[in-house]
């Protein structure tokens, strides 16, 4: 688990609109803060930020739980779990 949270933080280190955390249950969670998005309309820019987050996670062989439902969860300002991609 420590490796997963470290990798997630490294992958997303340049994106200030995210929070990566664990609740002590060996699960790593991600939240996007749309209030920190400052360019363009909130909806459009938040979508771009989420796509950038997903791209960086995929580059590091990670993904979010739920697929499209997970993206909707992030757009709603709630957290999703980060997991390793299955080979």
C-alpha atoms as a PDB file:
ATOM      1  CA  UNK A   1       0.000   0.000   0.000  1.00  0.00           C
ATOM      2  CA  UNK A   2       2.776   2.468   0.817  1.00  0.00           C
ATOM      3  CA  UNK A   3       4.154   1.941  -2.676  1.00  0.00           C
ATOM      4  CA  UNK A   4       0.741   2.635  -4.241  1.00  0.00           C
ATOM      5  CA  UNK A   5       0.230   5.935  -2.416  1.00  0.00           C
ATOM      6  CA  UNK A   6       3.822   6.964  -3.184  1.00  0.00           C
ATOM      7  CA  UNK A   7       3.399   6.173  -6.896  1.00  0.00           C
ATOM      8  CA  UNK A   8       0.077   8.026  -7.028  1.00  0.00           C
ATOM      9  CA  UNK A   9       1.593  11.088  -5.372  1.00  0.00           C
ATOM     10  CA  UNK A  10       4.561  11.031  -7.745  1.00  0.00           C
ATOM     11  CA  UNK A  11       2.314  10.652 -10.807  1.00  0.00           C
ATOM     12  CA  UNK A  12       0.126  13.577  -9.730  1.00  0.00           C
ATOM     13  CA  UNK A  13       2.724  15.790  -8.031  1.00  0.00           C
ATOM     14  CA  UNK A  14       2.206  18.683 -10.478  1.00  0.00           C
ATOM     15  CA  UNK A  15      -1.588  18.748 -10.191  1.00  0.00           C
ATOM     16  CA  UNK A  16      -2.623  20.943  -7.279  1.00  0.00           C
ATOM     17  CA  UNK A  17      -6.354  20.241  -7.654  1.00  0.00           C
ATOM     18  CA  UNK A  18      -6.103  16.728  -6.205  1.00  0.00           C
ATOM     19  CA  UNK A  19      -5.859  15.159  -2.782  1.00  0.00           C
ATOM     20  CA  UNK A  20      -4.454  11.651  -2.396  1.00  0.00           C
ATOM     21  CA  UNK A  21      -5.063  10.001   0.940  1.00  0.00           C
ATOM     22  CA  UNK A  22      -5.554   6.745   2.793  1.00  0.00           C
ATOM     23  CA  UNK A  23      -7.891   6.039   5.675  1.00  0.00           C
ATOM     24  CA  UNK A  24      -5.621   3.389   7.129  1.00  0.00           C
ATOM     25  CA  UNK A  25      -7.431   0.496   5.469  1.00  0.00           C
ATOM     26  CA  UNK A  26      -4.839  -0.236   2.741  1.00  0.00           C
ATOM     27  CA  UNK A  27      -6.930   1.658   0.177  1.00  0.00           C
ATOM     28  CA  UNK A  28      -5.690   4.804  -1.531  1.00  0.00           C
ATOM     29  CA  UNK A  29      -8.286   7.443  -2.428  1.00  0.00           C
ATOM     30  CA  UNK A  30      -8.308  10.425  -4.759  1.00  0.00           C
ATOM     31  CA  UNK A  31     -10.409  13.571  -4.647  1.00  0.00           C
ATOM     32  CA  UNK A  32     -10.450  16.418  -7.175  1.00  0.00           C
ATOM     33  CA  UNK A  33     -11.185  19.884  -5.821  1.00  0.00           C
ATOM     34  CA  UNK A  34     -13.128  21.805  -8.490  1.00  0.00           C
ATOM     35  CA  UNK A  35     -12.869  24.986  -6.376  1.00  0.00           C
ATOM     36  CA  UNK A  36      -9.131  25.063  -7.101  1.00  0.00           C
ATOM     37  CA  UNK A  37      -9.661  24.953 -10.864  1.00  0.00           C
ATOM     38  CA  UNK A  38      -9.213  28.498 -12.064  1.00  0.00           C
ATOM     39  CA  UNK A  39      -9.020  28.505 -15.871  1.00  0.00           C
ATOM     40  CA  UNK A  40     -12.118  28.373 -18.068  1.00  0.00           C
ATOM     41  CA  UNK A  41     -15.514  27.355 -16.798  1.00  0.00           C
ATOM     42  CA  UNK A  42     -15.495  25.135 -13.740  1.00  0.00           C
ATOM     43  CA  UNK A  43     -17.117  22.187 -15.523  1.00  0.00           C
ATOM     44  CA  UNK A  44     -14.891  22.286 -18.599  1.00  0.00           C
ATOM     45  CA  UNK A  45     -11.656  22.759 -16.692  1.00  0.00           C
ATOM     46  CA  UNK A  46     -12.515  20.147 -14.046  1.00  0.00           C
ATOM     47  CA  UNK A  47     -13.122  17.617 -16.825  1.00  0.00           C
ATOM     48  CA  UNK A  48      -9.702  18.444 -18.310  1.00  0.00           C
ATOM     49  CA  UNK A  49      -8.052  18.049 -14.911  1.00  0.00           C
ATOM     50  CA  UNK A  50      -9.711  14.660 -14.387  1.00  0.00           C
ATOM     51  CA  UNK A  51      -8.613  13.482 -17.836  1.00  0.00           C
ATOM     52  CA  UNK A  52      -5.042  14.599 -17.038  1.00  0.00           C
ATOM     53  CA  UNK A  53      -5.195  12.758 -13.701  1.00  0.00           C
ATOM     54  CA  UNK A  54      -6.411   9.568 -15.370  1.00  0.00           C
ATOM     55  CA  UNK A  55      -3.755   9.802 -18.066  1.00  0.00           C
ATOM     56  CA  UNK A  56      -0.984  10.142 -15.505  1.00  0.00           C
ATOM     57  CA  UNK A  57      -2.354   7.290 -13.401  1.00  0.00           C
ATOM     58  CA  UNK A  58      -2.546   5.078 -16.497  1.00  0.00           C
ATOM     59  CA  UNK A  59       1.061   5.952 -17.357  1.00  0.00           C
ATOM     60  CA  UNK A  60       2.074   4.589 -13.930  1.00  0.00           C
ATOM     61  CA  UNK A  61      -0.072   1.411 -14.333  1.00  0.00           C
ATOM     62  CA  UNK A  62      -2.804   2.656 -11.990  1.00  0.00           C
ATOM     63  CA  UNK A  63      -6.515   3.327 -12.476  1.00  0.00           C
ATOM     64  CA  UNK A  64      -9.589   4.378 -10.520  1.00  0.00           C
ATOM     65  CA  UNK A  65     -12.320   2.010  -9.383  1.00  0.00           C
ATOM     66  CA  UNK A  66     -15.574   2.277 -11.310  1.00  0.00           C
ATOM     67  CA  UNK A  67     -14.473   3.449 -14.756  1.00  0.00           C
ATOM     68  CA  UNK A  68     -16.991   5.997 -16.082  1.00  0.00           C
ATOM     69  CA  UNK A  69     -18.911   5.893 -12.800  1.00  0.00           C
ATOM     70  CA  UNK A  70     -15.638   6.782 -11.043  1.00  0.00           C
ATOM     71  CA  UNK A  71     -15.208   9.794 -13.310  1.00  0.00           C
ATOM     72  CA  UNK A  72     -18.748  10.951 -12.462  1.00  0.00           C
ATOM     73  CA  UNK A  73     -17.922  10.489  -8.762  1.00  0.00           C
ATOM     74  CA  UNK A  74     -14.856  12.723  -9.148  1.00  0.00           C
ATOM     75  CA  UNK A  75     -16.897  15.332 -11.027  1.00  0.00           C
ATOM     76  CA  UNK A  76     -19.354  15.321  -8.113  1.00  0.00           C
ATOM     77  CA  UNK A  77     -16.492  16.146  -5.736  1.00  0.00           C
ATOM     78  CA  UNK A  78     -16.400  12.755  -4.019  1.00  0.00           C
ATOM     79  CA  UNK A  79     -13.442  10.422  -3.634  1.00  0.00           C
ATOM     80  CA  UNK A  80     -12.611   7.280  -5.607  1.00  0.00           C
ATOM     81  CA  UNK A  81     -10.194   4.480  -4.905  1.00  0.00           C
ATOM     82  CA  UNK A  82      -6.914   4.217  -6.823  1.00  0.00           C
ATOM     83  CA  UNK A  83      -5.885   0.671  -7.743  1.00  0.00           C
ATOM     84  CA  UNK A  84      -3.092  -0.975  -9.700  1.00  0.00           C
ATOM     85  CA  UNK A  85      -3.998  -1.908 -13.263  1.00  0.00           C
ATOM     86  CA  UNK A  86      -4.557  -5.596 -13.834  1.00  0.00           C
ATOM     87  CA  UNK A  87      -2.129  -7.026 -16.399  1.00  0.00           C
END
